[in-house]
Amino acid sequence: MIDHFEIKTINFDDCKMFYAKVLPPLNIELKWADESAAGFGLCNNSKVGFMIEKFESSISSHIAFSADSKEAVINFYNTGIENGFLCNGQPGLRRNYASIYYAAFLFDPDGNNVEAVAYL
């Protein structure tokens, strides 16, 4: 039901790099960027669905990206850890959310809780 969403970032370049690295396992890529904004979308689609914009302040958010499989969640998480980003929850079932909810969590450079989730 969401057409697109945007977050404000004070660490724009670091956040752009974070999302450009961790989202490809979820079939999401950087579509465009300039000095103050960047747009991301599905690899096989020209539409932008997620944007970041440079701003003077940031409010922590929770962003959950859909994953096609358990393996995609694991790849998202491993890519983030391998690139030096911080864990906020290792890949695993989150039965407290739902019996089929498989997710992993990373912090982006602004402290946003970024999740990849697959329903098994």
N, C-alpha and C. Protein backbone atom coordinates (compact mmCIF):
# COMPACT_ATOMS: atom_id res chain seq x y z
N MET A 1 0.81 -1.20 0.00
CA MET A 1 0.00 0.00 0.00
C MET A 1 0.85 1.26 0.00
N ILE A 2 2.14 1.14 0.21
CA ILE A 2 3.01 2.31 0.23
C ILE A 2 3.59 2.51 -1.17
N ASP A 3 3.48 3.72 -1.70
CA ASP A 3 4.07 4.04 -3.00
C ASP A 3 5.58 4.26 -2.84
N HIS A 4 5.97 5.05 -1.85
CA HIS A 4 7.39 5.29 -1.57
C HIS A 4 7.52 5.88 -0.17
N PHE A 5 8.72 5.85 0.36
CA PHE A 5 8.97 6.51 1.63
C PHE A 5 10.37 7.09 1.62
N GLU A 6 10.59 8.06 2.50
CA GLU A 6 11.85 8.79 2.56
C GLU A 6 12.26 8.97 4.01
N ILE A 7 13.55 8.87 4.26
CA ILE A 7 14.06 9.23 5.58
C ILE A 7 15.07 10.36 5.43
N LYS A 8 15.19 11.16 6.45
CA LYS A 8 16.17 12.24 6.50
C LYS A 8 17.42 11.68 7.17
N THR A 9 18.60 12.10 6.69
CA THR A 9 19.85 11.60 7.24
C THR A 9 20.86 12.72 7.44
N ILE A 10 21.56 12.67 8.56
CA ILE A 10 22.64 13.63 8.79
C ILE A 10 23.97 13.08 8.27
N ASN A 11 24.06 11.78 8.10
CA ASN A 11 25.25 11.10 7.57
C ASN A 11 24.95 10.60 6.16
N PHE A 12 24.65 11.53 5.27
CA PHE A 12 24.14 11.16 3.95
C PHE A 12 25.05 10.21 3.19
N ASP A 13 26.33 10.55 3.04
CA ASP A 13 27.23 9.70 2.25
C ASP A 13 27.37 8.31 2.85
N ASP A 14 27.49 8.23 4.18
CA ASP A 14 27.60 6.93 4.84
C ASP A 14 26.31 6.13 4.69
N CYS A 15 25.17 6.79 4.83
CA CYS A 15 23.89 6.08 4.67
C CYS A 15 23.68 5.63 3.24
N LYS A 16 24.06 6.45 2.27
CA LYS A 16 23.94 6.04 0.87
C LYS A 16 24.76 4.78 0.62
N MET A 17 25.98 4.74 1.15
CA MET A 17 26.84 3.57 1.00
C MET A 17 26.21 2.36 1.71
N PHE A 18 25.69 2.55 2.93
CA PHE A 18 25.06 1.47 3.68
C PHE A 18 23.95 0.83 2.85
N TYR A 19 23.00 1.64 2.39
CA TYR A 19 21.86 1.09 1.65
C TYR A 19 22.29 0.49 0.31
N ALA A 20 23.25 1.11 -0.36
CA ALA A 20 23.74 0.58 -1.64
C ALA A 20 24.39 -0.79 -1.46
N LYS A 21 24.95 -1.06 -0.29
CA LYS A 21 25.60 -2.35 -0.04
C LYS A 21 24.64 -3.41 0.49
N VAL A 22 23.75 -3.06 1.42
CA VAL A 22 22.94 -4.09 2.07
C VAL A 22 21.63 -4.42 1.35
N LEU A 23 21.15 -3.55 0.47
CA LEU A 23 19.86 -3.82 -0.17
C LEU A 23 19.91 -4.74 -1.40
N PRO A 24 21.02 -4.86 -2.14
CA PRO A 24 21.01 -5.78 -3.30
C PRO A 24 20.60 -7.22 -2.98
N PRO A 25 20.95 -7.81 -1.82
CA PRO A 25 20.43 -9.16 -1.54
C PRO A 25 18.90 -9.23 -1.47
N LEU A 26 18.26 -8.06 -1.32
CA LEU A 26 16.80 -8.00 -1.28
C LEU A 26 16.22 -7.56 -2.63
N ASN A 27 17.09 -7.57 -3.67
CA ASN A 27 16.69 -7.20 -5.03
C ASN A 27 16.35 -5.71 -5.13
N ILE A 28 17.05 -4.90 -4.35
CA ILE A 28 16.87 -3.44 -4.35
C ILE A 28 18.22 -2.81 -4.65
N GLU A 29 18.21 -1.80 -5.55
CA GLU A 29 19.46 -1.16 -5.93
C GLU A 29 19.32 0.36 -5.93
N LEU A 30 20.47 1.03 -5.92
CA LEU A 30 20.53 2.48 -6.04
C LEU A 30 20.13 2.85 -7.47
N LYS A 31 19.11 3.71 -7.62
CA LYS A 31 18.63 4.11 -8.94
C LYS A 31 19.24 5.44 -9.38
N TRP A 32 19.41 6.36 -8.43
CA TRP A 32 19.99 7.66 -8.74
C TRP A 32 20.47 8.30 -7.44
N ALA A 33 21.38 9.25 -7.58
CA ALA A 33 21.84 10.01 -6.42
C ALA A 33 22.43 11.33 -6.89
N ASP A 34 22.29 12.33 -6.05
CA ASP A 34 23.00 13.59 -6.25
C ASP A 34 23.66 13.92 -4.91
N GLU A 35 24.07 15.15 -4.70
CA GLU A 35 24.80 15.50 -3.49
C GLU A 35 23.94 15.54 -2.22
N SER A 36 22.62 15.49 -2.37
CA SER A 36 21.78 15.61 -1.18
C SER A 36 20.63 14.60 -1.10
N ALA A 37 20.51 13.72 -2.08
CA ALA A 37 19.42 12.74 -2.05
C ALA A 37 19.82 11.52 -2.87
N ALA A 38 19.17 10.39 -2.56
CA ALA A 38 19.39 9.16 -3.31
C ALA A 38 18.10 8.37 -3.33
N GLY A 39 17.85 7.70 -4.46
CA GLY A 39 16.65 6.90 -4.62
C GLY A 39 16.99 5.45 -4.91
N PHE A 40 16.24 4.53 -4.30
CA PHE A 40 16.44 3.10 -4.44
C PHE A 40 15.15 2.46 -4.93
N GLY A 41 15.29 1.37 -5.68
CA GLY A 41 14.11 0.66 -6.15
C GLY A 41 14.45 -0.78 -6.50
N LEU A 42 13.43 -1.55 -6.85
CA LEU A 42 13.63 -2.94 -7.23
C LEU A 42 14.54 -3.04 -8.45
N CYS A 43 15.39 -4.04 -8.47
CA CYS A 43 16.38 -4.19 -9.55
C CYS A 43 15.75 -4.30 -10.93
N ASN A 44 14.60 -4.91 -11.05
CA ASN A 44 13.98 -5.11 -12.36
C ASN A 44 12.89 -4.09 -12.66
N ASN A 45 12.95 -2.93 -12.00
CA ASN A 45 11.91 -1.92 -12.15
C ASN A 45 12.55 -0.54 -12.06
N SER A 46 12.11 0.40 -12.86
CA SER A 46 12.70 1.74 -12.83
C SER A 46 12.15 2.63 -11.72
N LYS A 47 11.08 2.21 -11.06
CA LYS A 47 10.42 3.01 -10.02
C LYS A 47 11.27 3.09 -8.75
N VAL A 48 11.32 4.27 -8.18
CA VAL A 48 11.98 4.49 -6.89
C VAL A 48 10.93 4.34 -5.80
N GLY A 49 11.24 3.54 -4.79
CA GLY A 49 10.30 3.31 -3.70
C GLY A 49 10.82 3.74 -2.35
N PHE A 50 12.14 4.00 -2.25
CA PHE A 50 12.76 4.38 -0.99
C PHE A 50 13.80 5.45 -1.28
N MET A 51 13.75 6.53 -0.52
CA MET A 51 14.69 7.63 -0.72
C MET A 51 15.31 8.05 0.61
N ILE A 52 16.54 8.56 0.50
CA ILE A 52 17.16 9.22 1.64
C ILE A 52 17.49 10.64 1.21
N GLU A 53 17.44 11.56 2.16
CA GLU A 53 17.72 12.96 1.87
C GLU A 53 18.58 13.54 2.98
N LYS A 54 19.62 14.26 2.59
CA LYS A 54 20.49 14.94 3.55
C LYS A 54 19.69 15.99 4.30
N PHE A 55 19.87 16.03 5.62
CA PHE A 55 19.10 16.94 6.45
C PHE A 55 19.95 17.32 7.66
N GLU A 56 19.57 18.36 8.34
CA GLU A 56 20.36 18.81 9.50
C GLU A 56 20.10 17.99 10.76
N SER A 57 19.06 17.20 10.77
CA SER A 57 18.80 16.32 11.91
C SER A 57 18.15 15.04 11.41
N SER A 58 18.14 14.06 12.27
CA SER A 58 17.59 12.75 11.93
C SER A 58 16.77 12.25 13.09
N ILE A 59 15.69 11.57 12.80
CA ILE A 59 14.88 10.92 13.83
C ILE A 59 14.93 9.43 13.53
N SER A 60 15.34 8.65 14.52
CA SER A 60 15.47 7.21 14.30
C SER A 60 14.15 6.60 13.85
N SER A 61 14.26 5.72 12.88
CA SER A 61 13.11 5.04 12.30
C SER A 61 13.35 3.54 12.30
N HIS A 62 12.28 2.80 12.09
CA HIS A 62 12.37 1.36 11.86
C HIS A 62 11.86 1.12 10.45
N ILE A 63 12.72 0.52 9.63
CA ILE A 63 12.39 0.26 8.24
C ILE A 63 12.49 -1.24 8.01
N ALA A 64 11.44 -1.87 7.53
CA ALA A 64 11.44 -3.30 7.26
C ALA A 64 11.30 -3.53 5.76
N PHE A 65 12.32 -4.14 5.16
CA PHE A 65 12.30 -4.46 3.74
C PHE A 65 11.92 -5.93 3.57
N SER A 66 11.08 -6.22 2.58
CA SER A 66 10.67 -7.59 2.29
C SER A 66 11.82 -8.36 1.65
N ALA A 67 11.96 -9.60 2.06
CA ALA A 67 12.94 -10.51 1.47
C ALA A 67 12.16 -11.69 0.86
N ASP A 68 12.70 -12.24 -0.22
CA ASP A 68 12.04 -13.36 -0.89
C ASP A 68 12.26 -14.69 -0.19
N SER A 69 13.29 -14.76 0.67
CA SER A 69 13.64 -16.04 1.27
C SER A 69 14.47 -15.85 2.54
N LYS A 70 14.61 -16.93 3.27
CA LYS A 70 15.49 -16.95 4.44
C LYS A 70 16.92 -16.61 4.01
N GLU A 71 17.36 -17.14 2.88
CA GLU A 71 18.70 -16.90 2.38
C GLU A 71 18.93 -15.42 2.08
N ALA A 72 17.93 -14.74 1.55
CA ALA A 72 18.06 -13.30 1.27
C ALA A 72 18.22 -12.52 2.57
N VAL A 73 17.50 -12.91 3.62
CA VAL A 73 17.65 -12.26 4.93
C VAL A 73 19.07 -12.46 5.43
N ILE A 74 19.57 -13.68 5.34
CA ILE A 74 20.93 -13.98 5.79
C ILE A 74 21.95 -13.20 4.97
N ASN A 75 21.77 -13.12 3.65
CA ASN A 75 22.70 -12.36 2.79
C ASN A 75 22.68 -10.88 3.12
N PHE A 76 21.50 -10.32 3.36
CA PHE A 76 21.38 -8.92 3.79
C PHE A 76 22.21 -8.69 5.05
N TYR A 77 22.00 -9.53 6.04
CA TYR A 77 22.69 -9.40 7.32
C TYR A 77 24.21 -9.56 7.15
N ASN A 78 24.63 -10.64 6.48
CA ASN A 78 26.07 -10.89 6.30
C ASN A 78 26.75 -9.78 5.53
N THR A 79 26.09 -9.26 4.50
CA THR A 79 26.66 -8.15 3.73
C THR A 79 26.87 -6.94 4.63
N GLY A 80 25.91 -6.65 5.48
CA GLY A 80 26.06 -5.53 6.40
C GLY A 80 27.20 -5.73 7.38
N ILE A 81 27.28 -6.89 8.00
CA ILE A 81 28.34 -7.18 8.97
C ILE A 81 29.71 -7.16 8.30
N GLU A 82 29.81 -7.77 7.12
CA GLU A 82 31.08 -7.80 6.39
C GLU A 82 31.56 -6.40 6.00
N ASN A 83 30.64 -5.45 5.88
CA ASN A 83 31.01 -4.08 5.54
C ASN A 83 31.12 -3.18 6.77
N GLY A 84 31.13 -3.78 7.95
CA GLY A 84 31.38 -3.03 9.17
C GLY A 84 30.18 -2.38 9.81
N PHE A 85 28.98 -2.71 9.37
CA PHE A 85 27.79 -2.13 9.97
C PHE A 85 27.38 -2.92 11.20
N LEU A 86 26.60 -2.31 12.07
CA LEU A 86 26.29 -2.88 13.37
C LEU A 86 25.03 -3.73 13.38
N CYS A 87 25.13 -4.85 14.07
CA CYS A 87 24.02 -5.79 14.25
C CYS A 87 23.02 -5.22 15.25
N ASN A 88 21.74 -5.39 14.92
CA ASN A 88 20.68 -5.10 15.88
C ASN A 88 19.77 -6.32 16.03
N GLY A 89 20.23 -7.47 15.57
CA GLY A 89 19.48 -8.72 15.68
C GLY A 89 19.89 -9.68 14.59
N GLN A 90 20.52 -10.79 14.97
CA GLN A 90 20.97 -11.78 13.99
C GLN A 90 19.79 -12.44 13.30
N PRO A 91 20.03 -13.03 12.12
CA PRO A 91 18.95 -13.72 11.41
C PRO A 91 18.34 -14.83 12.26
N GLY A 92 17.02 -14.91 12.23
CA GLY A 92 16.34 -15.96 12.96
C GLY A 92 14.84 -15.76 12.97
N LEU A 93 14.16 -16.80 13.42
CA LEU A 93 12.71 -16.72 13.57
C LEU A 93 12.38 -15.79 14.73
N ARG A 94 11.36 -14.99 14.56
CA ARG A 94 10.89 -14.08 15.61
C ARG A 94 9.47 -14.53 15.96
N ARG A 95 9.38 -15.62 16.70
CA ARG A 95 8.08 -16.21 17.03
C ARG A 95 7.21 -15.26 17.86
N ASN A 96 7.85 -14.29 18.52
CA ASN A 96 7.06 -13.30 19.26
C ASN A 96 6.29 -12.37 18.31
N TYR A 97 6.70 -12.29 17.03
CA TYR A 97 5.96 -11.52 16.02
C TYR A 97 4.95 -12.42 15.32
N ALA A 98 5.44 -13.59 14.84
CA ALA A 98 4.60 -14.58 14.17
C ALA A 98 5.43 -15.85 14.02
N SER A 99 4.80 -16.98 13.95
CA SER A 99 5.53 -18.25 13.91
C SER A 99 6.35 -18.41 12.63
N ILE A 100 6.04 -17.65 11.58
CA ILE A 100 6.74 -17.77 10.30
C ILE A 100 7.59 -16.54 9.97
N TYR A 101 7.82 -15.67 10.95
CA TYR A 101 8.50 -14.39 10.75
C TYR A 101 10.00 -14.58 10.92
N TYR A 102 10.76 -14.53 9.81
CA TYR A 102 12.21 -14.71 9.83
C TYR A 102 12.84 -13.37 9.47
N ALA A 103 13.68 -12.84 10.36
CA ALA A 103 14.19 -11.49 10.15
C ALA A 103 15.61 -11.33 10.68
N ALA A 104 16.25 -10.27 10.21
CA ALA A 104 17.55 -9.81 10.71
C ALA A 104 17.51 -8.30 10.74
N PHE A 105 18.31 -7.72 11.63
CA PHE A 105 18.28 -6.27 11.85
C PHE A 105 19.70 -5.70 11.86
N LEU A 106 19.87 -4.55 11.22
CA LEU A 106 21.12 -3.80 11.23
C LEU A 106 20.81 -2.35 11.59
N PHE A 107 21.80 -1.66 12.13
CA PHE A 107 21.70 -0.21 12.31
C PHE A 107 22.36 0.46 11.12
N ASP A 108 21.70 1.46 10.52
CA ASP A 108 22.37 2.26 9.51
C ASP A 108 23.23 3.31 10.22
N PRO A 109 24.04 4.08 9.50
CA PRO A 109 24.93 5.04 10.16
C PRO A 109 24.22 6.14 10.96
N ASP A 110 22.93 6.35 10.75
CA ASP A 110 22.18 7.32 11.56
C ASP A 110 21.46 6.66 12.73
N GLY A 111 21.63 5.36 12.91
CA GLY A 111 20.99 4.65 14.02
C GLY A 111 19.60 4.13 13.72
N ASN A 112 19.18 4.17 12.45
CA ASN A 112 17.89 3.60 12.09
C ASN A 112 17.96 2.08 12.17
N ASN A 113 16.89 1.47 12.63
CA ASN A 113 16.78 0.02 12.72
C ASN A 113 16.27 -0.49 11.38
N VAL A 114 17.15 -1.13 10.61
CA VAL A 114 16.83 -1.59 9.27
C VAL A 114 16.70 -3.11 9.29
N GLU A 115 15.55 -3.58 8.86
CA GLU A 115 15.20 -5.00 8.94
C GLU A 115 14.98 -5.59 7.56
N ALA A 116 15.37 -6.85 7.43
CA ALA A 116 14.97 -7.65 6.28
C ALA A 116 14.09 -8.78 6.85
N VAL A 117 12.92 -9.00 6.25
CA VAL A 117 11.99 -10.01 6.77
C VAL A 117 11.44 -10.86 5.65
N ALA A 118 11.38 -12.16 5.93
CA ALA A 118 10.73 -13.13 5.04
C ALA A 118 9.75 -13.92 5.86
N TYR A 119 8.64 -14.28 5.28
CA TYR A 119 7.64 -15.11 5.94
C TYR A 119 7.81 -16.53 5.41
N LEU A 120 8.25 -17.43 6.26
CA LEU A 120 8.57 -18.80 5.85
C LEU A 120 7.36 -19.71 5.91
